[in-house]
N, C-alpha and C. Protein backbone atom coordinates (compact mmCIF):
# COMPACT_ATOMS: atom_id res chain seq x y z
N UNK A 1 102.80 109.78 122.44
CA UNK A 1 104.40 109.80 121.21
C UNK A 1 104.45 111.35 121.83
N UNK A 2 105.77 111.43 122.00
CA UNK A 2 105.83 112.25 122.68
C UNK A 2 106.23 113.37 121.32
N UNK A 3 106.46 114.67 121.52
CA UNK A 3 106.87 115.38 119.96
C UNK A 3 108.29 115.32 119.58
N UNK A 4 109.29 115.17 120.50
CA UNK A 4 110.31 114.55 119.41
C UNK A 4 110.42 113.39 118.65
N UNK A 5 109.77 112.06 119.18
CA UNK A 5 109.18 111.38 118.36
C UNK A 5 108.26 111.59 116.89
N UNK A 6 107.66 112.26 117.12
CA UNK A 6 106.66 112.59 115.91
C UNK A 6 107.95 113.67 114.80
N UNK A 7 108.47 114.72 115.41
CA UNK A 7 109.53 115.34 114.96
C UNK A 7 109.98 114.22 114.17
N UNK A 8 110.78 113.33 114.66
CA UNK A 8 111.93 112.76 113.89
C UNK A 8 111.33 111.66 112.70
N UNK A 9 110.04 111.23 113.24
CA UNK A 9 109.09 110.54 112.26
C UNK A 9 108.87 111.59 110.67
N UNK A 10 108.38 112.75 110.99
CA UNK A 10 108.75 113.72 110.02
C UNK A 10 109.78 113.70 108.97
N UNK A 11 110.97 113.90 110.00
CA UNK A 11 111.86 114.02 109.13
C UNK A 11 112.00 112.62 108.23
N UNK A 12 111.89 111.79 109.15
CA UNK A 12 112.15 110.54 108.35
C UNK A 12 111.73 110.40 106.94
N UNK A 13 110.33 110.68 107.22
CA UNK A 13 109.46 110.92 105.85
C UNK A 13 110.21 111.47 104.65
N UNK A 14 110.18 112.95 105.04
CA UNK A 14 110.50 114.45 104.29
C UNK A 14 112.02 113.97 103.80
N UNK A 15 112.71 113.06 104.04
CA UNK A 15 114.54 113.04 103.79
C UNK A 15 114.19 111.45 103.32
N UNK A 16 113.17 111.02 102.99
CA UNK A 16 113.25 109.61 102.58
C UNK A 16 114.54 109.13 103.25
N UNK A 17 114.80 108.40 104.23
CA UNK A 17 115.49 107.62 105.07
C UNK A 17 115.30 106.31 104.79
N UNK A 18 116.48 105.85 104.37
CA UNK A 18 115.84 104.08 104.65
C UNK A 18 116.20 103.35 105.86
N UNK A 19 115.43 102.23 105.84
CA UNK A 19 115.38 101.52 106.86
C UNK A 19 116.37 101.60 108.12
N UNK A 20 117.72 101.59 107.46
CA UNK A 20 119.23 101.26 108.13
C UNK A 20 119.04 102.74 109.05
N UNK A 21 119.12 103.69 108.10
CA UNK A 21 119.61 105.18 108.52
C UNK A 21 118.40 105.55 109.99
N UNK A 22 117.00 105.06 109.76
CA UNK A 22 116.08 105.26 110.59
C UNK A 22 116.42 104.41 111.93
N UNK A 23 116.67 103.44 111.68
CA UNK A 23 117.05 102.68 113.28
C UNK A 23 118.56 103.22 113.38
N UNK A 24 119.71 103.62 112.31
CA UNK A 24 120.79 104.34 112.91
C UNK A 24 120.18 106.04 113.74
N UNK A 25 119.51 106.55 113.28
CA UNK A 25 118.79 107.82 113.48
C UNK A 25 118.08 107.46 115.23
N UNK A 26 117.13 106.49 115.48
CA UNK A 26 116.73 106.17 116.55
C UNK A 26 117.49 105.90 117.57
N UNK A 27 118.90 104.94 117.43
CA UNK A 27 119.70 105.07 118.44
C UNK A 27 120.65 106.05 118.90
N UNK A 28 120.98 107.01 117.67
CA UNK A 28 121.78 108.00 118.35
C UNK A 28 120.80 109.58 118.26
N UNK A 29 119.85 109.37 119.01
CA UNK A 29 118.70 110.31 119.36
C UNK A 29 119.06 110.80 120.94
N UNK A 30 118.47 111.99 120.70
CA UNK A 30 118.84 112.54 122.36
C UNK A 30 118.35 112.13 124.00
N UNK A 31 117.09 111.08 123.21
CA UNK A 31 116.64 110.43 124.52
C UNK A 31 117.35 110.48 125.28
N UNK A 32 116.37 110.54 126.46
CA UNK A 32 116.96 110.19 127.73
C UNK A 32 117.57 109.10 128.36
N UNK A 33 116.68 107.93 127.76
CA UNK A 33 117.51 106.41 127.74
C UNK A 33 118.40 105.75 126.56
N UNK A 34 119.20 105.03 126.67
CA UNK A 34 120.03 104.70 125.39
C UNK A 34 118.94 103.67 124.66
N UNK A 35 120.05 103.87 123.45
CA UNK A 35 119.09 102.57 122.56
C UNK A 35 118.88 101.47 123.13
N UNK A 36 117.83 100.20 122.85
CA UNK A 36 117.91 99.16 123.34
C UNK A 36 118.87 98.22 122.68
N UNK A 37 119.50 96.91 123.44
CA UNK A 37 120.11 96.01 122.77
C UNK A 37 119.73 95.31 121.59
N UNK A 38 118.28 95.03 121.37
CA UNK A 38 117.99 94.67 120.14
C UNK A 38 118.07 95.43 118.87
N UNK A 39 117.80 96.74 119.14
CA UNK A 39 118.26 98.44 118.43
C UNK A 39 119.52 97.85 118.00
N UNK A 40 120.13 97.95 118.84
CA UNK A 40 121.91 97.96 118.38
C UNK A 40 122.40 96.44 117.80
N UNK A 41 121.49 95.66 117.92
CA UNK A 41 121.76 94.52 117.59
C UNK A 41 121.48 94.40 115.65
N UNK A 42 120.52 95.04 115.85
CA UNK A 42 119.86 94.97 114.51
C UNK A 42 120.89 95.65 113.45
N UNK A 43 121.31 96.99 114.05
CA UNK A 43 122.16 97.80 113.13
C UNK A 43 123.17 97.01 112.60
N UNK A 44 123.98 96.61 113.97
CA UNK A 44 125.04 95.59 113.67
C UNK A 44 124.84 94.26 112.72
N UNK A 45 123.76 93.70 112.73
CA UNK A 45 123.25 92.82 111.23
C UNK A 45 123.44 93.57 110.31
N UNK A 46 122.79 94.96 110.15
CA UNK A 46 122.86 95.37 109.02
C UNK A 46 123.75 95.73 108.14
N UNK A 47 125.31 95.59 109.19
CA UNK A 47 126.61 96.46 108.67
C UNK A 47 127.17 94.89 107.66
N UNK A 48 126.57 93.71 107.70
CA UNK A 48 126.85 93.02 107.13
C UNK A 48 126.61 92.92 105.28
N UNK A 49 125.21 93.58 105.51
CA UNK A 49 124.96 94.31 104.00
C UNK A 49 126.08 95.22 103.37
N UNK A 50 126.61 95.44 102.19
CA UNK A 50 127.40 96.22 101.68
C UNK A 50 126.83 97.72 101.25
N UNK A 51 125.75 97.48 100.76
CA UNK A 51 124.20 98.61 101.03
C UNK A 51 124.14 99.48 102.34
N UNK A 52 123.66 98.69 103.06
CA UNK A 52 123.54 98.98 104.44
C UNK A 52 124.24 99.31 105.37
N UNK A 53 125.48 98.88 104.85
CA UNK A 53 127.21 98.97 105.35
C UNK A 53 127.23 100.76 105.15
N UNK A 54 127.03 100.97 104.05
CA UNK A 54 127.56 102.30 103.87
C UNK A 54 126.63 103.42 104.03
N UNK A 55 125.26 103.19 104.40
CA UNK A 55 124.31 104.01 104.87
C UNK A 55 124.63 103.95 106.52
N UNK A 56 124.78 102.67 107.47
CA UNK A 56 124.74 102.76 108.36
C UNK A 56 126.27 104.10 108.76
N UNK A 57 127.30 103.56 108.62
CA UNK A 57 128.55 104.61 108.09
C UNK A 57 128.55 106.07 107.90
N UNK A 58 127.54 106.10 106.99
CA UNK A 58 127.35 107.60 106.71
C UNK A 58 126.59 108.25 107.37
N UNK A 59 125.38 107.85 108.21
CA UNK A 59 124.80 108.11 109.23
C UNK A 59 126.02 108.56 110.74
N UNK A 60 126.64 107.63 110.87
CA UNK A 60 127.43 107.60 112.12
C UNK A 60 128.58 108.98 111.83
N UNK A 61 129.08 108.49 110.77
CA UNK A 61 130.38 109.36 110.71
C UNK A 61 130.06 110.86 110.27
């Protein structure tokens, strides 16, 4: 596990991010590789829920 991944996990716990917010943070990270298509698909499916949609958009916007 890289230090950036470890740091990201600690931030997720400290800030008490939801599952949707954690997935968006992972997809928008500065890692040299892009997000997987399965992760992007999961985020897209989350937007059909009103609560998750607002969480995803708050992280993106």
